[in-house]
Amino acid sequence: GYLFELERRGYLQAGSFVPEVALDNPEALK
C-alpha cells in the first residue's frame, strides 16, 4: 500500500505512479 500512502503524504504523483520517492525523498520513504 505504499503507492497510495505516499501519494496521500504528497511524495508521489497519481497517474504515472512511479516510485521516484526513493531518490527524491528517501527519508519520506524510510
PDB file of all heavy atoms in Angstrom:
ATOM      1  N   GLY A   1       0.780  -1.227   0.000  1.00  0.00           N
ATOM      2  CA  GLY A   1       0.000   0.000   0.000  1.00  0.00           C
ATOM      3  C   GLY A   1       0.810   1.275   0.000  1.00  0.00           C
ATOM      4  O   GLY A   1       0.273   2.370   0.178  1.00  0.00           O
ATOM      5  N   TYR A   2       2.124   1.183  -0.194  1.00  0.00           N
ATOM      6  CA  TYR A   2       2.956   2.384  -0.201  1.00  0.00           C
ATOM      7  C   TYR A   2       2.539   3.374  -1.295  1.00  0.00           C
ATOM      8  O   TYR A   2       2.680   4.589  -1.136  1.00  0.00           O
ATOM      9  CB  TYR A   2       4.426   2.039  -0.444  1.00  0.00           C
ATOM     10  CG  TYR A   2       5.059   1.064   0.506  1.00  0.00           C
ATOM     11  CD1 TYR A   2       6.052   0.196   0.053  1.00  0.00           C
ATOM     12  CD2 TYR A   2       4.701   1.002   1.856  1.00  0.00           C
ATOM     13  CE1 TYR A   2       6.670  -0.697   0.914  1.00  0.00           C
ATOM     14  CE2 TYR A   2       5.314   0.109   2.721  1.00  0.00           C
ATOM     15  CZ  TYR A   2       6.304  -0.739   2.238  1.00  0.00           C
ATOM     16  OH  TYR A   2       6.911  -1.624   3.082  1.00  0.00           O
ATOM     17  N   LEU A   3       2.059   2.841  -2.413  1.00  0.00           N
ATOM     18  CA  LEU A   3       1.755   3.687  -3.574  1.00  0.00           C
ATOM     19  C   LEU A   3       0.748   4.771  -3.209  1.00  0.00           C
ATOM     20  O   LEU A   3       1.001   5.964  -3.399  1.00  0.00           O
ATOM     21  CB  LEU A   3       1.208   2.805  -4.699  1.00  0.00           C
ATOM     22  CG  LEU A   3       1.217   3.388  -6.101  1.00  0.00           C
ATOM     23  CD1 LEU A   3       2.621   3.394  -6.664  1.00  0.00           C
ATOM     24  CD2 LEU A   3       0.308   2.571  -7.023  1.00  0.00           C
ATOM     25  N   PHE A   4      -0.392   4.361  -2.669  1.00  0.00           N
ATOM     26  CA  PHE A   4      -1.419   5.336  -2.304  1.00  0.00           C
ATOM     27  C   PHE A   4      -1.000   6.145  -1.080  1.00  0.00           C
ATOM     28  O   PHE A   4      -1.321   7.327  -0.965  1.00  0.00           O
ATOM     29  CB  PHE A   4      -2.747   4.622  -2.024  1.00  0.00           C
ATOM     30  CG  PHE A   4      -3.561   4.327  -3.253  1.00  0.00           C
ATOM     31  CD1 PHE A   4      -2.972   4.102  -4.485  1.00  0.00           C
ATOM     32  CD2 PHE A   4      -4.943   4.264  -3.182  1.00  0.00           C
ATOM     33  CE1 PHE A   4      -3.723   3.824  -5.610  1.00  0.00           C
ATOM     34  CE2 PHE A   4      -5.719   3.993  -4.299  1.00  0.00           C
ATOM     35  CZ  PHE A   4      -5.102   3.767  -5.521  1.00  0.00           C
ATOM     36  N   GLU A   5      -0.322   5.502  -0.145  1.00  0.00           N
ATOM     37  CA  GLU A   5       0.067   6.196   1.080  1.00  0.00           C
ATOM     38  C   GLU A   5       1.039   7.339   0.789  1.00  0.00           C
ATOM     39  O   GLU A   5       0.900   8.441   1.331  1.00  0.00           O
ATOM     40  CB  GLU A   5       0.697   5.210   2.075  1.00  0.00           C
ATOM     41  CG  GLU A   5       1.114   5.819   3.388  1.00  0.00           C
ATOM     42  CD  GLU A   5      -0.039   6.258   4.264  1.00  0.00           C
ATOM     43  OE1 GLU A   5      -1.206   5.906   3.970  1.00  0.00           O
ATOM     44  OE2 GLU A   5       0.217   6.969   5.266  1.00  0.00           O
ATOM     45  N   LEU A   6       2.001   7.095  -0.069  1.00  0.00           N
ATOM     46  CA  LEU A   6       2.963   8.148  -0.387  1.00  0.00           C
ATOM     47  C   LEU A   6       2.345   9.231  -1.258  1.00  0.00           C
ATOM     48  O   LEU A   6       2.722  10.403  -1.168  1.00  0.00           O
ATOM     49  CB  LEU A   6       4.210   7.547  -1.035  1.00  0.00           C
ATOM     50  CG  LEU A   6       5.153   6.929   0.003  1.00  0.00           C
ATOM     51  CD1 LEU A   6       6.040   5.871  -0.616  1.00  0.00           C
ATOM     52  CD2 LEU A   6       5.989   8.013   0.677  1.00  0.00           C
ATOM     53  N   GLU A   7       1.362   8.870  -2.095  1.00  0.00           N
ATOM     54  CA  GLU A   7       0.626   9.897  -2.834  1.00  0.00           C
ATOM     55  C   GLU A   7      -0.168  10.751  -1.855  1.00  0.00           C
ATOM     56  O   GLU A   7      -0.194  11.986  -1.968  1.00  0.00           O
ATOM     57  CB  GLU A   7      -0.318   9.238  -3.844  1.00  0.00           C
ATOM     58  CG  GLU A   7      -0.862  10.179  -4.909  1.00  0.00           C
ATOM     59  CD  GLU A   7      -2.062  11.005  -4.483  1.00  0.00           C
ATOM     60  OE1 GLU A   7      -2.812  10.538  -3.584  1.00  0.00           O
ATOM     61  OE2 GLU A   7      -2.267  12.114  -5.026  1.00  0.00           O
ATOM     62  N   ARG A   8      -0.773  10.124  -0.871  1.00  0.00           N
ATOM     63  CA  ARG A   8      -1.555  10.842   0.136  1.00  0.00           C
ATOM     64  C   ARG A   8      -0.658  11.752   0.970  1.00  0.00           C
ATOM     65  O   ARG A   8      -1.060  12.845   1.369  1.00  0.00           O
ATOM     66  CB  ARG A   8      -2.272   9.820   1.026  1.00  0.00           C
ATOM     67  CG  ARG A   8      -3.191  10.400   2.066  1.00  0.00           C
ATOM     68  CD  ARG A   8      -4.138   9.344   2.618  1.00  0.00           C
ATOM     69  NE  ARG A   8      -3.448   8.105   2.979  1.00  0.00           N
ATOM     70  CZ  ARG A   8      -3.949   6.893   2.764  1.00  0.00           C
ATOM     71  NH1 ARG A   8      -5.117   6.736   2.183  1.00  0.00           N
ATOM     72  NH2 ARG A   8      -3.294   5.826   3.145  1.00  0.00           N
ATOM     73  N   ARG A   9       0.559  11.322   1.226  1.00  0.00           N
ATOM     74  CA  ARG A   9       1.509  12.131   2.003  1.00  0.00           C
ATOM     75  C   ARG A   9       2.161  13.231   1.163  1.00  0.00           C
ATOM     76  O   ARG A   9       2.877  14.073   1.709  1.00  0.00           O
ATOM     77  CB  ARG A   9       2.583  11.239   2.619  1.00  0.00           C
ATOM     78  CG  ARG A   9       2.056  10.251   3.642  1.00  0.00           C
ATOM     79  CD  ARG A   9       3.169   9.474   4.324  1.00  0.00           C
ATOM     80  NE  ARG A   9       2.628   8.428   5.199  1.00  0.00           N
ATOM     81  CZ  ARG A   9       3.347   7.775   6.108  1.00  0.00           C
ATOM     82  NH1 ARG A   9       4.636   8.048   6.265  1.00  0.00           N
ATOM     83  NH2 ARG A   9       2.783   6.846   6.858  1.00  0.00           N
ATOM     84  N   GLY A  10       1.944  13.180  -0.151  1.00  0.00           N
ATOM     85  CA  GLY A  10       2.435  14.245  -1.007  1.00  0.00           C
ATOM     86  C   GLY A  10       3.759  14.001  -1.679  1.00  0.00           C
ATOM     87  O   GLY A  10       4.391  14.941  -2.172  1.00  0.00           O
ATOM     88  N   TYR A  11       4.179  12.725  -1.776  1.00  0.00           N
ATOM     89  CA  TYR A  11       5.502  12.427  -2.314  1.00  0.00           C
ATOM     90  C   TYR A  11       5.474  11.572  -3.581  1.00  0.00           C
ATOM     91  O   TYR A  11       6.508  11.048  -3.984  1.00  0.00           O
ATOM     92  CB  TYR A  11       6.345  11.706  -1.254  1.00  0.00           C
ATOM     93  CG  TYR A  11       6.650  12.548  -0.050  1.00  0.00           C
ATOM     94  CD1 TYR A  11       5.954  12.387   1.137  1.00  0.00           C
ATOM     95  CD2 TYR A  11       7.649  13.528  -0.098  1.00  0.00           C
ATOM     96  CE1 TYR A  11       6.229  13.157   2.250  1.00  0.00           C
ATOM     97  CE2 TYR A  11       7.938  14.306   1.005  1.00  0.00           C
ATOM     98  CZ  TYR A  11       7.218  14.125   2.176  1.00  0.00           C
ATOM     99  OH  TYR A  11       7.503  14.906   3.278  1.00  0.00           O
ATOM    100  N   LEU A  12       4.308  11.418  -4.195  1.00  0.00           N
ATOM    101  CA  LEU A  12       4.204  10.565  -5.381  1.00  0.00           C
ATOM    102  C   LEU A  12       3.063  11.073  -6.239  1.00  0.00           C
ATOM    103  O   LEU A  12       2.033  11.527  -5.720  1.00  0.00           O
ATOM    104  CB  LEU A  12       3.964   9.119  -4.938  1.00  0.00           C
ATOM    105  CG  LEU A  12       4.000   8.038  -6.016  1.00  0.00           C
ATOM    106  CD1 LEU A  12       4.647   6.766  -5.464  1.00  0.00           C
ATOM    107  CD2 LEU A  12       2.585   7.704  -6.504  1.00  0.00           C
ATOM    108  N   GLN A  13       3.236  11.001  -7.544  1.00  0.00           N
ATOM    109  CA  GLN A  13       2.238  11.520  -8.470  1.00  0.00           C
ATOM    110  C   GLN A  13       1.236  10.439  -8.849  1.00  0.00           C
ATOM    111  O   GLN A  13       1.594   9.387  -9.371  1.00  0.00           O
ATOM    112  CB  GLN A  13       2.908  12.048  -9.740  1.00  0.00           C
ATOM    113  CG  GLN A  13       1.933  12.685 -10.715  1.00  0.00           C
ATOM    114  CD  GLN A  13       2.618  13.178 -11.974  1.00  0.00           C
ATOM    115  OE1 GLN A  13       3.277  12.407 -12.672  1.00  0.00           O
ATOM    116  NE2 GLN A  13       2.482  14.463 -12.254  1.00  0.00           N
ATOM    117  N   ALA A  14      -0.052  10.710  -8.567  1.00  0.00           N
ATOM    118  CA  ALA A  14      -1.109   9.813  -9.023  1.00  0.00           C
ATOM    119  C   ALA A  14      -1.191   9.863 -10.535  1.00  0.00           C
ATOM    120  O   ALA A  14      -1.062  10.928 -11.140  1.00  0.00           O
ATOM    121  CB  ALA A  14      -2.448  10.208  -8.408  1.00  0.00           C
ATOM    122  N   GLY A  15      -1.408   8.728 -11.144  1.00  0.00           N
ATOM    123  CA  GLY A  15      -1.487   8.649 -12.602  1.00  0.00           C
ATOM    124  C   GLY A  15      -0.309   7.867 -13.128  1.00  0.00           C
ATOM    125  O   GLY A  15      -0.439   6.694 -13.499  1.00  0.00           O
ATOM    126  N   SER A  16       0.859   8.484 -13.126  1.00  0.00           N
ATOM    127  CA  SER A  16       2.052   7.748 -13.542  1.00  0.00           C
ATOM    128  C   SER A  16       2.433   6.716 -12.489  1.00  0.00           C
ATOM    129  O   SER A  16       2.866   5.613 -12.802  1.00  0.00           O
ATOM    130  CB  SER A  16       3.225   8.703 -13.790  1.00  0.00           C
ATOM    131  OG  SER A  16       3.549   9.439 -12.619  1.00  0.00           O
ATOM    132  N   PHE A  17       2.257   7.058 -11.202  1.00  0.00           N
ATOM    133  CA  PHE A  17       2.504   6.139 -10.091  1.00  0.00           C
ATOM    134  C   PHE A  17       3.882   5.482 -10.188  1.00  0.00           C
ATOM    135  O   PHE A  17       4.023   4.264 -10.098  1.00  0.00           O
ATOM    136  CB  PHE A  17       1.414   5.057 -10.029  1.00  0.00           C
ATOM    137  CG  PHE A  17       0.106   5.523  -9.440  1.00  0.00           C
ATOM    138  CD1 PHE A  17      -1.075   5.362 -10.153  1.00  0.00           C
ATOM    139  CD2 PHE A  17       0.053   6.103  -8.191  1.00  0.00           C
ATOM    140  CE1 PHE A  17      -2.285   5.772  -9.613  1.00  0.00           C
ATOM    141  CE2 PHE A  17      -1.149   6.521  -7.647  1.00  0.00           C
ATOM    142  CZ  PHE A  17      -2.322   6.359  -8.361  1.00  0.00           C
ATOM    143  N   VAL A  18       4.920   6.295 -10.340  1.00  0.00           N
ATOM    144  CA  VAL A  18       6.292   5.793 -10.380  1.00  0.00           C
ATOM    145  C   VAL A  18       6.972   6.161  -9.060  1.00  0.00           C
ATOM    146  O   VAL A  18       6.881   7.317  -8.624  1.00  0.00           O
ATOM    147  CB  VAL A  18       7.073   6.380 -11.567  1.00  0.00           C
ATOM    148  CG1 VAL A  18       8.512   5.880 -11.568  1.00  0.00           C
ATOM    149  CG2 VAL A  18       6.392   5.998 -12.889  1.00  0.00           C
ATOM    150  N   PRO A  19       7.634   5.221  -8.392  1.00  0.00           N
ATOM    151  CA  PRO A  19       8.185   5.467  -7.055  1.00  0.00           C
ATOM    152  C   PRO A  19       9.496   6.251  -7.052  1.00  0.00           C
ATOM    153  O   PRO A  19      10.505   5.823  -6.459  1.00  0.00           O
ATOM    154  CB  PRO A  19       8.379   4.053  -6.507  1.00  0.00           C
ATOM    155  CG  PRO A  19       8.665   3.233  -7.712  1.00  0.00           C
ATOM    156  CD  PRO A  19       7.804   3.811  -8.808  1.00  0.00           C
ATOM    157  N   GLU A  20       9.487   7.425  -7.653  1.00  0.00           N
ATOM    158  CA  GLU A  20      10.676   8.278  -7.662  1.00  0.00           C
ATOM    159  C   GLU A  20      11.059   8.732  -6.266  1.00  0.00           C
ATOM    160  O   GLU A  20      12.170   9.232  -6.043  1.00  0.00           O
ATOM    161  CB  GLU A  20      10.433   9.494  -8.556  1.00  0.00           C
ATOM    162  CG  GLU A  20      10.200   9.157 -10.014  1.00  0.00           C
ATOM    163  CD  GLU A  20       9.829  10.386 -10.837  1.00  0.00           C
ATOM    164  OE1 GLU A  20      10.758  11.115 -11.237  1.00  0.00           O
ATOM    165  OE2 GLU A  20       8.619  10.620 -11.045  1.00  0.00           O
ATOM    166  N   VAL A  21      10.148   8.556  -5.312  1.00  0.00           N
ATOM    167  CA  VAL A  21      10.396   8.968  -3.938  1.00  0.00           C
ATOM    168  C   VAL A  21      11.676   8.353  -3.382  1.00  0.00           C
ATOM    169  O   VAL A  21      12.342   8.946  -2.527  1.00  0.00           O
ATOM    170  CB  VAL A  21       9.173   8.605  -3.052  1.00  0.00           C
ATOM    171  CG1 VAL A  21       8.952   7.101  -3.015  1.00  0.00           C
ATOM    172  CG2 VAL A  21       9.309   9.161  -1.647  1.00  0.00           C
ATOM    173  N   ALA A  22      12.056   7.174  -3.847  1.00  0.00           N
ATOM    174  CA  ALA A  22      13.271   6.525  -3.353  1.00  0.00           C
ATOM    175  C   ALA A  22      14.502   7.389  -3.580  1.00  0.00           C
ATOM    176  O   ALA A  22      15.443   7.374  -2.769  1.00  0.00           O
ATOM    177  CB  ALA A  22      13.457   5.168  -4.026  1.00  0.00           C
ATOM    178  N   LEU A  23      14.493   8.154  -4.655  1.00  0.00           N
ATOM    179  CA  LEU A  23      15.610   9.046  -4.968  1.00  0.00           C
ATOM    180  C   LEU A  23      15.335  10.476  -4.537  1.00  0.00           C
ATOM    181  O   LEU A  23      16.230  11.169  -4.055  1.00  0.00           O
ATOM    182  CB  LEU A  23      15.905   9.006  -6.472  1.00  0.00           C
ATOM    183  CG  LEU A  23      16.357   7.655  -7.040  1.00  0.00           C
ATOM    184  CD1 LEU A  23      16.494   7.734  -8.550  1.00  0.00           C
ATOM    185  CD2 LEU A  23      17.673   7.212  -6.404  1.00  0.00           C
ATOM    186  N   ASP A  24      14.089  10.933  -4.703  1.00  0.00           N
ATOM    187  CA  ASP A  24      13.769  12.335  -4.446  1.00  0.00           C
ATOM    188  C   ASP A  24      13.577  12.646  -2.969  1.00  0.00           C
ATOM    189  O   ASP A  24      13.935  13.732  -2.504  1.00  0.00           O
ATOM    190  CB  ASP A  24      12.482  12.722  -5.194  1.00  0.00           C
ATOM    191  CG  ASP A  24      12.633  12.675  -6.704  1.00  0.00           C
ATOM    192  OD1 ASP A  24      13.784  12.622  -7.172  1.00  0.00           O
ATOM    193  OD2 ASP A  24      11.595  12.678  -7.393  1.00  0.00           O
ATOM    194  N   ASN A  25      12.973  11.709  -2.235  1.00  0.00           N
ATOM    195  CA  ASN A  25      12.661  11.930  -0.821  1.00  0.00           C
ATOM    196  C   ASN A  25      12.898  10.652  -0.020  1.00  0.00           C
ATOM    197  O   ASN A  25      11.946  10.057   0.513  1.00  0.00           O
ATOM    198  CB  ASN A  25      11.211  12.401  -0.656  1.00  0.00           C
ATOM    199  CG  ASN A  25      10.984  13.799  -1.191  1.00  0.00           C
ATOM    200  OD1 ASN A  25      11.362  14.779  -0.555  1.00  0.00           O
ATOM    201  ND2 ASN A  25      10.373  13.883  -2.356  1.00  0.00           N
ATOM    202  N   PRO A  26      14.137  10.212   0.071  1.00  0.00           N
ATOM    203  CA  PRO A  26      14.407   8.923   0.724  1.00  0.00           C
ATOM    204  C   PRO A  26      13.951   8.866   2.177  1.00  0.00           C
ATOM    205  O   PRO A  26      13.536   7.805   2.645  1.00  0.00           O
ATOM    206  CB  PRO A  26      15.927   8.765   0.598  1.00  0.00           C
ATOM    207  CG  PRO A  26      16.450  10.134   0.307  1.00  0.00           C
ATOM    208  CD  PRO A  26      15.373  10.829  -0.458  1.00  0.00           C
ATOM    209  N   GLU A  27      14.001   9.981   2.893  1.00  0.00           N
ATOM    210  CA  GLU A  27      13.568   9.956   4.292  1.00  0.00           C
ATOM    211  C   GLU A  27      12.066   9.726   4.397  1.00  0.00           C
ATOM    212  O   GLU A  27      11.594   9.073   5.334  1.00  0.00           O
ATOM    213  CB  GLU A  27      13.978  11.246   4.996  1.00  0.00           C
ATOM    214  CG  GLU A  27      15.477  11.367   5.234  1.00  0.00           C
ATOM    215  CD  GLU A  27      16.053  10.183   6.001  1.00  0.00           C
ATOM    216  OE1 GLU A  27      15.425   9.759   7.006  1.00  0.00           O
ATOM    217  OE2 GLU A  27      17.109   9.663   5.590  1.00  0.00           O
ATOM    218  N   ALA A  28      11.313  10.269   3.437  1.00  0.00           N
ATOM    219  CA  ALA A  28       9.864  10.025   3.436  1.00  0.00           C
ATOM    220  C   ALA A  28       9.577   8.549   3.186  1.00  0.00           C
ATOM    221  O   ALA A  28       8.677   7.964   3.808  1.00  0.00           O
ATOM    222  CB  ALA A  28       9.189  10.881   2.362  1.00  0.00           C
ATOM    223  N   LEU A  29      10.333   7.935   2.299  1.00  0.00           N
ATOM    224  CA  LEU A  29      10.136   6.510   2.038  1.00  0.00           C
ATOM    225  C   LEU A  29      10.530   5.678   3.251  1.00  0.00           C
ATOM    226  O   LEU A  29       9.813   4.746   3.637  1.00  0.00           O
ATOM    227  CB  LEU A  29      10.934   6.078   0.807  1.00  0.00           C
ATOM    228  CG  LEU A  29      10.814   4.597   0.431  1.00  0.00           C
ATOM    229  CD1 LEU A  29       9.361   4.170   0.253  1.00  0.00           C
ATOM    230  CD2 LEU A  29      11.613   4.292  -0.841  1.00  0.00           C
ATOM    231  N   LYS A  30      11.641   6.020   3.877  1.00  0.00           N
ATOM    232  CA  LYS A  30      12.059   5.275   5.063  1.00  0.00           C
ATOM    233  C   LYS A  30      11.009   5.367   6.171  1.00  0.00           C
ATOM    234  O   LYS A  30      10.723   4.376   6.844  1.00  0.00           O
ATOM    235  CB  LYS A  30      13.399   5.805   5.578  1.00  0.00           C
ATOM    236  CG  LYS A  30      14.602   5.347   4.775  1.00  0.00           C
ATOM    237  CD  LYS A  30      15.902   5.865   5.357  1.00  0.00           C
ATOM    238  CE  LYS A  30      16.227   5.225   6.681  1.00  0.00           C
ATOM    239  NZ  LYS A  30      17.556   5.658   7.189  1.00  0.00           N
TER     240      LYS A  30
END
